[in-house]
N, C-alpha and C. Protein backbone atom coordinates (compact mmCIF):
# COMPACT_ATOMS: atom_id res chain seq x y z
N PRO A 1 105.64 86.72 84.27
CA PRO A 1 106.94 86.44 84.21
C PRO A 1 107.32 86.66 85.91
N ALA A 2 106.51 87.16 86.74
CA ALA A 2 107.09 87.75 88.34
C ALA A 2 106.52 86.73 88.99
N PRO A 3 107.24 86.30 90.31
CA PRO A 3 106.19 85.18 91.35
C PRO A 3 105.42 86.25 92.08
N VAL A 4 104.15 85.20 92.14
CA VAL A 4 103.12 85.49 92.81
C VAL A 4 103.04 86.45 93.58
N VAL A 5 104.00 86.36 94.77
CA VAL A 5 104.07 87.35 95.95
C VAL A 5 104.41 88.61 95.54
N TYR A 6 105.66 88.97 94.07
CA TYR A 6 106.39 90.06 93.48
C TYR A 6 104.81 90.90 92.97
N ARG A 7 103.46 90.14 92.16
CA ARG A 7 102.63 90.71 91.45
C ARG A 7 101.84 91.10 92.45
N ALA A 8 101.72 90.63 93.93
CA ALA A 8 100.63 90.82 95.03
C ALA A 8 101.44 92.15 95.45
N LEU A 9 102.61 92.22 95.83
CA LEU A 9 103.21 93.49 96.37
C LEU A 9 103.19 94.74 95.40
N VAL A 10 103.25 94.33 94.11
CA VAL A 10 103.16 95.08 93.25
C VAL A 10 101.76 96.14 93.05
N ARG A 11 100.32 95.00 93.39
CA ARG A 11 99.02 95.55 93.92
C ARG A 11 99.25 96.32 94.57
N LEU A 12 99.63 95.93 95.90
CA LEU A 12 99.79 96.83 97.24
C LEU A 12 100.49 98.44 96.58
N VAL A 13 101.65 97.87 96.41
CA VAL A 13 101.94 99.43 95.55
C VAL A 13 101.11 100.07 95.41
N ARG A 14 100.31 99.88 94.18
CA ARG A 14 100.08 100.60 93.13
C ARG A 14 98.60 101.24 93.76
N VAL A 15 98.15 100.98 94.84
CA VAL A 15 97.04 101.58 96.20
C VAL A 15 98.02 102.49 97.09
N PHE A 16 99.17 101.95 97.73
CA PHE A 16 99.66 102.45 98.42
C PHE A 16 100.34 103.74 98.45
N ILE A 17 100.94 103.67 97.05
CA ILE A 17 101.51 104.80 96.45
C ILE A 17 100.84 106.25 96.53
N PRO A 18 99.91 106.14 95.36
CA PRO A 18 99.32 107.65 96.02
C PRO A 18 99.15 108.16 96.94
N LEU A 19 98.51 107.57 97.85
CA LEU A 19 98.39 108.11 99.44
C LEU A 19 99.18 108.88 99.90
N VAL A 20 100.56 108.59 99.39
CA VAL A 20 101.41 109.04 100.29
C VAL A 20 102.84 110.21 99.10
N ALA A 21 102.72 110.03 97.90
CA ALA A 21 102.99 110.24 97.22
C ALA A 21 102.64 110.80 95.73
N ARG A 22 103.22 111.66 95.09
CA ARG A 22 102.40 112.01 93.73
C ARG A 22 103.96 111.56 92.79
N ARG A 23 103.53 110.87 91.88
CA ARG A 23 104.65 110.86 90.68
C ARG A 23 104.60 111.63 89.61
N HIS A 24 106.03 111.27 89.49
CA HIS A 24 106.11 112.71 87.93
C HIS A 24 107.17 111.94 87.49
N TRP A 25 106.94 110.67 86.68
CA TRP A 25 107.59 109.98 85.57
C TRP A 25 108.36 110.64 84.23
N ALA A 26 109.35 110.22 83.75
CA ALA A 26 109.94 110.32 82.47
C ALA A 26 110.80 109.81 82.36
N GLY A 27 110.89 109.18 80.74
CA GLY A 27 112.36 108.85 80.22
C GLY A 27 111.71 106.93 79.77
N GLN A 28 110.66 106.87 80.61
CA GLN A 28 110.32 105.39 80.56
C GLN A 28 110.70 104.58 79.06
N GLU A 29 110.53 105.42 78.23
CA GLU A 29 111.21 104.67 76.55
C GLU A 29 112.58 104.39 76.78
N HIS A 30 113.64 104.72 77.71
CA HIS A 30 114.75 104.20 77.41
C HIS A 30 115.17 103.16 78.84
N ILE A 31 113.92 102.58 79.35
CA ILE A 31 113.87 101.02 79.57
C ILE A 31 113.83 99.87 78.81
N PRO A 32 114.80 99.24 78.75
CA PRO A 32 114.78 98.20 77.26
C PRO A 32 113.68 97.38 78.01
N ALA A 33 112.46 97.35 76.91
CA ALA A 33 111.64 96.19 76.83
C ALA A 33 112.12 94.73 76.90
N THR A 34 112.81 93.98 76.47
CA THR A 34 113.72 92.99 76.87
C THR A 34 114.64 92.84 77.01
N GLY A 35 115.54 91.77 77.42
CA GLY A 35 116.87 91.67 77.33
C GLY A 35 117.21 92.26 78.65
N PRO A 36 118.67 91.84 78.69
CA PRO A 36 119.21 92.16 80.25
C PRO A 36 119.72 93.72 80.52
N ALA A 37 119.40 93.94 81.23
CA ALA A 37 119.39 95.75 81.82
C ALA A 37 119.81 95.84 83.19
N ILE A 38 120.57 96.88 82.84
CA ILE A 38 121.23 97.16 84.64
C ILE A 38 120.73 98.56 85.01
N VAL A 39 119.80 98.89 85.75
CA VAL A 39 119.32 100.36 86.25
C VAL A 39 120.10 100.95 87.53
N VAL A 40 120.84 102.01 87.60
CA VAL A 40 121.99 102.54 88.39
C VAL A 40 120.30 103.64 88.98
N GLY A 41 120.58 103.72 89.95
CA GLY A 41 119.20 105.10 90.71
C GLY A 41 120.70 105.79 91.98
N ASN A 42 119.79 106.72 92.09
CA ASN A 42 120.63 107.39 93.43
C ASN A 42 119.84 107.09 94.53
N HIS A 43 120.27 106.80 95.99
CA HIS A 43 119.79 106.17 96.83
C HIS A 43 119.34 107.33 98.09
N ILE A 44 118.50 108.48 98.30
CA ILE A 44 118.11 109.25 98.82
C ILE A 44 117.31 108.74 100.04
N SER A 45 116.37 107.48 100.20
CA SER A 45 115.44 107.10 101.26
C SER A 45 115.41 105.80 101.40
N ASN A 46 114.82 105.22 102.40
CA ASN A 46 113.77 103.99 102.42
C ASN A 46 112.97 103.82 101.23
N PHE A 47 112.55 104.93 100.91
CA PHE A 47 110.92 104.47 99.96
C PHE A 47 111.69 104.25 98.56
N ASP A 48 113.09 104.73 98.10
CA ASP A 48 113.46 104.69 97.05
C ASP A 48 113.28 103.08 96.13
N PRO A 49 113.51 101.80 96.95
CA PRO A 49 113.18 100.63 96.15
C PRO A 49 111.84 100.49 95.67
N ILE A 50 111.22 101.03 96.75
CA ILE A 50 109.29 100.94 96.76
C ILE A 50 108.82 101.33 95.08
N VAL A 51 109.34 102.75 95.23
CA VAL A 51 109.25 104.10 93.58
C VAL A 51 109.82 103.31 92.57
N LEU A 52 111.21 103.32 92.72
CA LEU A 52 112.03 102.94 91.69
C LEU A 52 111.18 101.46 91.04
N GLY A 53 111.28 100.43 91.73
CA GLY A 53 110.45 99.35 91.67
C GLY A 53 108.89 99.36 90.76
N GLU A 54 108.23 100.31 91.22
CA GLU A 54 106.92 100.75 90.68
C GLU A 54 107.34 100.98 89.42
N TYR A 55 108.22 101.87 89.20
CA TYR A 55 108.33 102.79 88.00
C TYR A 55 108.69 101.54 86.66
N LEU A 56 110.05 100.67 87.46
CA LEU A 56 110.47 99.66 86.42
C LEU A 56 109.31 98.70 86.06
N VAL A 57 108.35 98.56 87.05
CA VAL A 57 107.54 97.51 86.63
C VAL A 57 106.20 98.11 85.72
N TYR A 58 106.11 99.53 85.71
CA TYR A 58 104.95 100.10 84.77
C TYR A 58 106.11 99.99 83.91
N SER A 59 107.35 99.91 83.54
CA SER A 59 107.70 100.10 82.26
C SER A 59 107.93 98.73 81.70
N GLY A 60 107.13 97.63 82.25
CA GLY A 60 107.37 96.59 81.53
C GLY A 60 107.90 95.63 82.20
N ARG A 61 109.11 95.51 83.30
CA ARG A 61 110.00 95.02 83.45
C ARG A 61 110.13 94.37 85.12
N TRP A 62 110.23 93.23 85.90
CA TRP A 62 110.36 92.91 86.96
C TRP A 62 111.64 93.17 87.51
N PRO A 63 111.78 93.81 87.96
CA PRO A 63 113.57 93.93 88.64
C PRO A 63 114.01 93.31 89.22
N ARG A 64 115.12 93.22 89.60
CA ARG A 64 116.03 92.37 90.57
C ARG A 64 116.85 93.17 91.52
N PHE A 65 116.44 93.57 92.43
CA PHE A 65 116.95 94.36 92.94
C PHE A 65 118.27 93.45 93.85
N LEU A 66 119.54 94.71 93.79
CA LEU A 66 120.63 94.26 94.94
C LEU A 66 119.99 94.94 95.84
N GLY A 67 120.17 94.42 97.55
CA GLY A 67 120.14 95.24 98.73
C GLY A 67 120.43 94.43 99.72
N LYS A 68 121.11 95.07 100.73
CA LYS A 68 121.88 94.68 101.83
C LYS A 68 121.70 93.62 102.18
N ALA A 69 122.51 92.22 102.89
CA ALA A 69 121.78 91.67 103.37
C ALA A 69 120.82 91.44 104.67
N ASP A 70 121.18 92.38 105.13
CA ASP A 70 120.56 92.73 106.66
C ASP A 70 118.80 92.45 106.56
N ILE A 71 118.21 93.26 105.15
CA ILE A 71 117.49 92.91 105.15
C ILE A 71 116.54 91.38 105.26
N TRP A 72 117.20 90.31 104.91
CA TRP A 72 117.03 89.00 104.45
C TRP A 72 116.33 88.37 105.59
N ARG A 73 117.24 89.26 106.80
CA ARG A 73 117.34 89.07 108.38
C ARG A 73 115.79 89.16 109.16
N VAL A 74 115.50 90.57 108.14
CA VAL A 74 114.00 90.78 109.12
C VAL A 74 112.73 90.11 108.56
N PRO A 75 112.28 89.66 109.60
CA PRO A 75 111.16 88.54 109.62
C PRO A 75 110.38 88.48 108.26
N VAL A 76 109.39 89.33 107.78
CA VAL A 76 108.03 89.50 106.85
C VAL A 76 109.30 89.82 105.36
N LEU A 77 109.81 91.21 106.10
CA LEU A 77 110.88 91.70 104.36
C LEU A 77 111.32 90.73 104.20
N GLY A 78 112.31 89.87 104.68
CA GLY A 78 113.54 89.24 104.42
C GLY A 78 112.60 87.73 103.45
N TRP A 79 111.06 87.40 104.33
CA TRP A 79 110.72 86.74 103.40
C TRP A 79 110.28 87.09 102.01
N VAL A 80 109.43 88.66 101.96
CA VAL A 80 109.14 89.18 100.55
C VAL A 80 109.82 89.03 99.96
N ALA A 81 111.72 89.77 100.15
CA ALA A 81 112.85 89.53 99.30
C ALA A 81 112.88 88.15 98.68
N ARG A 82 112.82 87.32 99.28
CA ARG A 82 113.16 86.06 98.77
C ARG A 82 112.06 85.56 97.79
N GLN A 83 111.06 85.75 98.23
CA GLN A 83 109.79 85.37 97.17
C GLN A 83 110.24 85.99 95.87
N CYS A 84 110.86 87.18 95.93
CA CYS A 84 110.65 88.07 94.89
C CYS A 84 111.96 88.15 94.24
N GLN A 85 112.84 87.11 94.50
CA GLN A 85 114.01 86.71 93.96
C GLN A 85 115.12 87.93 93.87
N GLN A 86 115.12 88.95 94.80
CA GLN A 86 116.01 89.51 95.23
C GLN A 86 117.68 89.13 95.39
N ILE A 87 118.46 90.04 95.33
CA ILE A 87 119.57 89.67 95.36
C ILE A 87 120.08 90.29 96.72
N PRO A 88 120.73 89.22 97.52
CA PRO A 88 121.50 90.25 98.87
C PRO A 88 122.90 90.35 98.48
N VAL A 89 123.17 91.62 99.35
CA VAL A 89 124.66 92.15 99.34
C VAL A 89 125.24 91.89 100.47
N TYR A 90 126.13 91.15 100.70
CA TYR A 90 126.66 91.10 101.84
C TYR A 90 128.24 91.86 102.00
N ARG A 91 127.78 92.91 102.48
CA ARG A 91 128.85 94.08 102.64
C ARG A 91 130.04 94.09 103.08
N ASP A 92 131.27 94.70 102.77
CA ASP A 92 132.51 94.30 103.85
C ASP A 92 132.47 92.76 104.50
N THR A 93 132.40 92.12 103.38
CA THR A 93 132.37 90.36 103.86
C THR A 93 133.22 90.03 102.74
N ASP A 94 133.75 88.68 103.07
CA ASP A 94 134.45 87.83 101.94
C ASP A 94 133.15 87.00 101.27
N ARG A 95 131.93 87.50 101.44
CA ARG A 95 130.85 87.01 100.47
C ARG A 95 130.12 88.19 99.70
N ALA A 96 130.88 89.56 100.04
CA ALA A 96 130.53 90.67 99.20
C ALA A 96 129.93 90.64 97.43
N SER A 97 131.12 90.02 97.35
CA SER A 97 131.21 89.63 95.62
C SER A 97 130.31 88.66 94.84
N ASP A 98 130.03 87.98 95.93
CA ASP A 98 128.60 86.84 95.68
C ASP A 98 127.21 87.62 95.02
N SER A 99 127.25 88.63 95.37
CA SER A 99 125.87 89.41 94.89
C SER A 99 126.34 90.03 93.40
N LEU A 100 127.42 89.98 92.42
CA LEU A 100 127.78 90.25 91.65
C LEU A 100 127.78 88.94 90.60
N ILE A 101 128.03 87.83 91.18
CA ILE A 101 127.79 86.38 90.62
C ILE A 101 126.27 85.94 90.35
N HIS A 102 125.48 86.73 91.49
CA HIS A 102 124.22 86.25 91.17
C HIS A 102 123.44 87.08 90.00
N ALA A 103 123.93 88.50 90.49
CA ALA A 103 123.40 89.81 88.77
C ALA A 103 124.17 88.92 88.12
N ARG A 104 124.97 88.63 87.40
CA ARG A 104 125.56 88.47 86.37
C ARG A 104 124.96 86.89 85.69
N LYS A 105 124.45 85.92 86.51
CA LYS A 105 123.76 85.30 86.16
C LYS A 105 122.07 85.52 85.61
N ALA A 106 121.31 86.58 86.38
CA ALA A 106 120.01 87.25 86.19
C ALA A 106 120.25 88.01 85.16
N LEU A 107 121.37 88.77 84.70
CA LEU A 107 121.78 89.38 83.38
C LEU A 107 121.97 88.09 82.06
N GLU A 108 122.48 87.09 82.59
CA GLU A 108 122.51 86.21 81.34
C GLU A 108 121.27 85.36 81.06
N ARG A 109 120.02 85.51 82.08
CA ARG A 109 118.93 84.91 81.61
C ARG A 109 117.94 86.29 80.97
N GLY A 110 118.48 86.97 80.91
CA GLY A 110 117.92 87.92 80.44
C GLY A 110 117.05 89.09 81.24
N GLN A 111 117.22 89.27 82.50
CA GLN A 111 116.68 89.93 83.34
C GLN A 111 117.25 91.25 83.39
N LEU A 112 116.59 92.29 84.47
CA LEU A 112 116.68 93.50 84.69
C LEU A 112 117.42 93.47 86.00
N ILE A 113 118.46 93.98 86.64
CA ILE A 113 118.39 93.92 87.63
C ILE A 113 119.15 95.82 87.84
N ALA A 114 118.74 95.81 89.38
CA ALA A 114 118.85 97.36 89.49
C ALA A 114 119.57 97.63 90.64
N LEU A 115 120.19 98.71 91.31
CA LEU A 115 121.07 98.76 91.83
C LEU A 115 121.46 100.38 92.57
N TYR A 116 121.88 100.43 93.43
CA TYR A 116 122.42 101.69 94.05
C TYR A 116 123.91 101.76 94.28
N PRO A 117 124.57 102.15 93.17
CA PRO A 117 125.94 102.28 93.22
C PRO A 117 126.55 102.97 94.58
N GLU A 118 126.26 103.23 95.48
CA GLU A 118 126.57 103.81 96.42
C GLU A 118 126.40 103.35 97.78
N GLY A 119 126.13 101.89 97.49
CA GLY A 119 125.67 101.20 98.29
C GLY A 119 124.64 101.75 99.83
N THR A 120 124.34 102.27 100.04
CA THR A 120 123.68 102.89 101.09
C THR A 120 122.82 104.29 101.01
N ILE A 121 121.82 104.44 101.55
CA ILE A 121 121.18 105.95 101.46
C ILE A 121 122.27 107.00 101.94
N THR A 122 122.32 107.81 100.60
CA THR A 122 123.27 109.20 100.91
C THR A 122 123.19 109.98 101.75
N ALA A 123 124.64 110.12 102.68
CA ALA A 123 124.79 111.05 103.76
C ALA A 123 124.79 112.34 103.56
N ASP A 124 124.82 112.83 102.10
CA ASP A 124 124.83 114.42 102.23
C ASP A 124 123.51 115.25 102.19
N PRO A 125 123.54 116.13 102.95
CA PRO A 125 122.52 116.71 103.59
C PRO A 125 121.62 117.37 102.41
N ASP A 126 122.21 117.48 101.68
CA ASP A 126 120.97 118.07 100.03
C ASP A 126 121.27 116.72 99.17
N GLY A 127 121.34 115.62 99.78
CA GLY A 127 120.73 114.61 98.94
C GLY A 127 121.74 114.16 97.52
N TRP A 128 122.87 115.12 97.43
CA TRP A 128 123.55 114.37 96.49
C TRP A 128 124.29 113.09 96.54
N PRO A 129 124.97 112.65 95.61
CA PRO A 129 125.27 111.12 95.45
C PRO A 129 126.83 111.04 96.27
N MET A 130 126.91 109.82 97.04
CA MET A 130 128.41 109.63 97.54
C MET A 130 128.90 109.30 96.41
N THR A 131 130.26 108.81 96.56
CA THR A 131 131.24 108.01 95.91
C THR A 131 130.42 106.49 95.69
N GLY A 132 130.05 106.10 94.20
CA GLY A 132 129.71 104.28 94.12
C GLY A 132 130.72 103.95 94.69
N ARG A 133 130.24 102.55 94.53
CA ARG A 133 131.19 101.54 94.67
C ARG A 133 131.23 100.79 93.12
N ARG A 134 132.43 99.85 93.19
CA ARG A 134 132.24 99.16 91.61
C ARG A 134 131.38 98.27 91.54
N GLY A 135 131.09 97.63 90.77
CA GLY A 135 130.16 96.89 90.03
C GLY A 135 129.19 96.88 88.99
N ALA A 136 128.32 98.15 89.06
CA ALA A 136 127.67 97.77 87.60
C ALA A 136 128.31 98.13 86.33
N ALA A 137 129.36 99.30 86.41
CA ALA A 137 130.36 99.08 85.10
C ALA A 137 130.65 97.91 84.70
N PRO A 138 131.84 97.12 85.71
CA PRO A 138 132.51 95.63 85.25
C PRO A 138 131.02 95.44 84.95
N LEU A 139 130.00 94.77 85.84
CA LEU A 139 129.04 93.86 85.09
C LEU A 139 128.56 94.34 83.75
N ALA A 140 128.24 95.51 83.82
CA ALA A 140 127.76 96.13 81.86
C ALA A 140 129.05 95.58 81.14
N LEU A 141 130.32 95.89 81.57
CA LEU A 141 131.19 95.22 80.30
C LEU A 141 131.13 93.94 80.04
N ARG A 142 130.89 93.34 81.44
CA ARG A 142 131.33 91.77 81.27
C ARG A 142 129.90 91.18 80.28
N THR A 143 128.72 91.62 80.65
CA THR A 143 127.74 91.16 79.99
C THR A 143 126.96 92.01 78.91
N GLY A 144 127.57 93.09 78.22
CA GLY A 144 127.25 93.44 77.29
C GLY A 144 125.77 94.39 77.66
N ALA A 145 125.55 94.26 78.67
CA ALA A 145 124.04 95.31 79.33
C ALA A 145 124.21 96.34 79.47
N PRO A 146 122.99 97.17 78.89
CA PRO A 146 123.39 98.49 78.68
C PRO A 146 123.02 99.18 80.34
N LEU A 147 123.54 99.94 80.58
CA LEU A 147 123.30 100.63 81.85
C LEU A 147 122.78 101.69 81.91
N VAL A 148 121.59 101.74 82.74
CA VAL A 148 120.61 103.08 82.63
C VAL A 148 120.45 103.72 84.01
N PRO A 149 121.04 104.70 83.72
CA PRO A 149 121.04 105.82 85.20
C PRO A 149 119.15 106.26 85.19
N VAL A 150 118.95 105.78 86.80
CA VAL A 150 117.48 106.75 86.81
C VAL A 150 117.53 108.10 87.95
N ALA A 151 117.35 108.78 87.88
CA ALA A 151 116.95 109.52 89.08
C ALA A 151 116.10 109.87 89.75
N GLN A 152 116.41 109.93 91.01
CA GLN A 152 114.80 110.09 92.17
C GLN A 152 114.89 111.42 92.78
N GLY A 153 114.08 112.12 93.23
CA GLY A 153 113.75 112.82 94.05
C GLY A 153 112.70 113.54 95.10
N GLY A 154 112.67 113.83 96.14
CA GLY A 154 111.33 113.94 96.57
C GLY A 154 111.12 112.62 97.93
N ALA A 155 111.85 111.42 97.72
CA ALA A 155 111.30 110.51 98.63
C ALA A 155 111.65 110.87 100.16
N PRO A 156 112.44 111.69 100.50
CA PRO A 156 112.83 111.98 101.86
C PRO A 156 111.45 112.26 102.33
N ARG A 157 110.51 113.22 101.76
CA ARG A 157 109.53 113.89 102.09
C ARG A 157 108.36 112.94 102.42
N CYS A 158 108.27 111.82 101.47
CA CYS A 158 107.44 110.41 102.04
C CYS A 158 107.97 109.95 103.12
N SER A 159 109.10 109.69 103.64
CA SER A 159 109.69 108.83 104.50
C SER A 159 110.53 109.35 105.65
N GLY A 160 110.38 110.50 105.45
CA GLY A 160 111.07 110.63 106.75
C GLY A 160 112.45 110.88 106.72
N GLY A 161 112.89 110.54 105.40
CA GLY A 161 114.95 110.68 105.66
C GLY A 161 115.27 109.84 105.09
């Protein structure tokens, strides 16, 4: 159910992650096996989408992440994001709401989306979440998709912050 590049990326991550981190997963039974779902996580490092993505794939779902549009301008990373059907967010522009339109369409197709409500890596020195942006709750209310919170910890030790 996932593009070939996405499947290859996950295979690469499955080899790479054990070299730099230990995983302690819990609560996978709360990830809906099918149908639309919105996963929201705390964003503490650039490593987060890799680890959360692996967690969700191991849970049986192929997430479509909402991520800052700047990623799509990075040569290899942007190509991978497009191939994996991720959703760009054009923050602080007149196109910012486009990401929610694409996310809603993905949910209507029964897909799982993942996002970080803060919209950026936390600036709190202790890693506590900052004020979230609106988006996840209205999406859940409009589509009826369950909203599943996921907490992550330890990633700054793997990625240097």
